[in-house]
């Protein structure tokens, strides 16, 4: 559940109040996001545009902006971390994967390598929430700081990815999860993203049932406002990494789908 401090005017005084963000169940072609105060009393509401040409155009402009910025800023990080990774585990600089994108299209994704070259000799594996034991110290840092994901801003620039959206899975896991979860392919109704609700709420990849709830929630409620909330929380998470130890930083729930669905 998201929290926000909002300045409200009470008479001639300005005051700050903390609210929680929930969604309204009012049927409409637009999403209504309602702020509740600590007593769970609806206090104010925001109407946010959803799913239209303007939304798609705005989202694409934001994607291009972030892609250009992060590709420029990320190059030094990729060079330094890539060289350190070469010392820890020699091998290719980048790791190439196939992922399933919008409408089931197979996409080629490049990641900065963070594991030894033989890490998947026993087959593909999902990454648990508490870290990947196959990574060394440098690889673990690259994973935790999300530096390995920086090359995927090239996919964003090409229009294959969006900055915000469900994280894409490999074809092997898509086939597997599609059989276990009837709604799994609904994730492919939108472009895959670099960050999303499931990642911010720290839903373990090994528990697809919980992760899928957040992905489907995003597909059904995607809007400019929700994207900005996810981007803000992601930026805040990355900012805190600069000043706290990796094990001290946690996102927590920014949106509890069991309460708002």
Foldseek 3Di string as FASTA:
>chain_A
DAKDWDWDDDPPDIDIFIWAWFWDPDDDQWTKIFTAGPVRHGDDIDTFGDDDPVFVVVQLVVLQVVLVVLLVVLPVVLVVLLVVQCVVANDDQWDWAWWQWAPRDIDIAIFGDFAHPCLAVVHDDFAWLVGDPRGDPSSRVCVLLVSRRSRCSVVSNVVQATAEAAATDGPVVLVVVVVVDVCQCVSNNHGHHPWYQLVLQSPTPVCVVVSVLRRVVCSVNPGPVRVVVRVVLVVVQSVVVVPDPSVVGHRHHSYDSVVRD
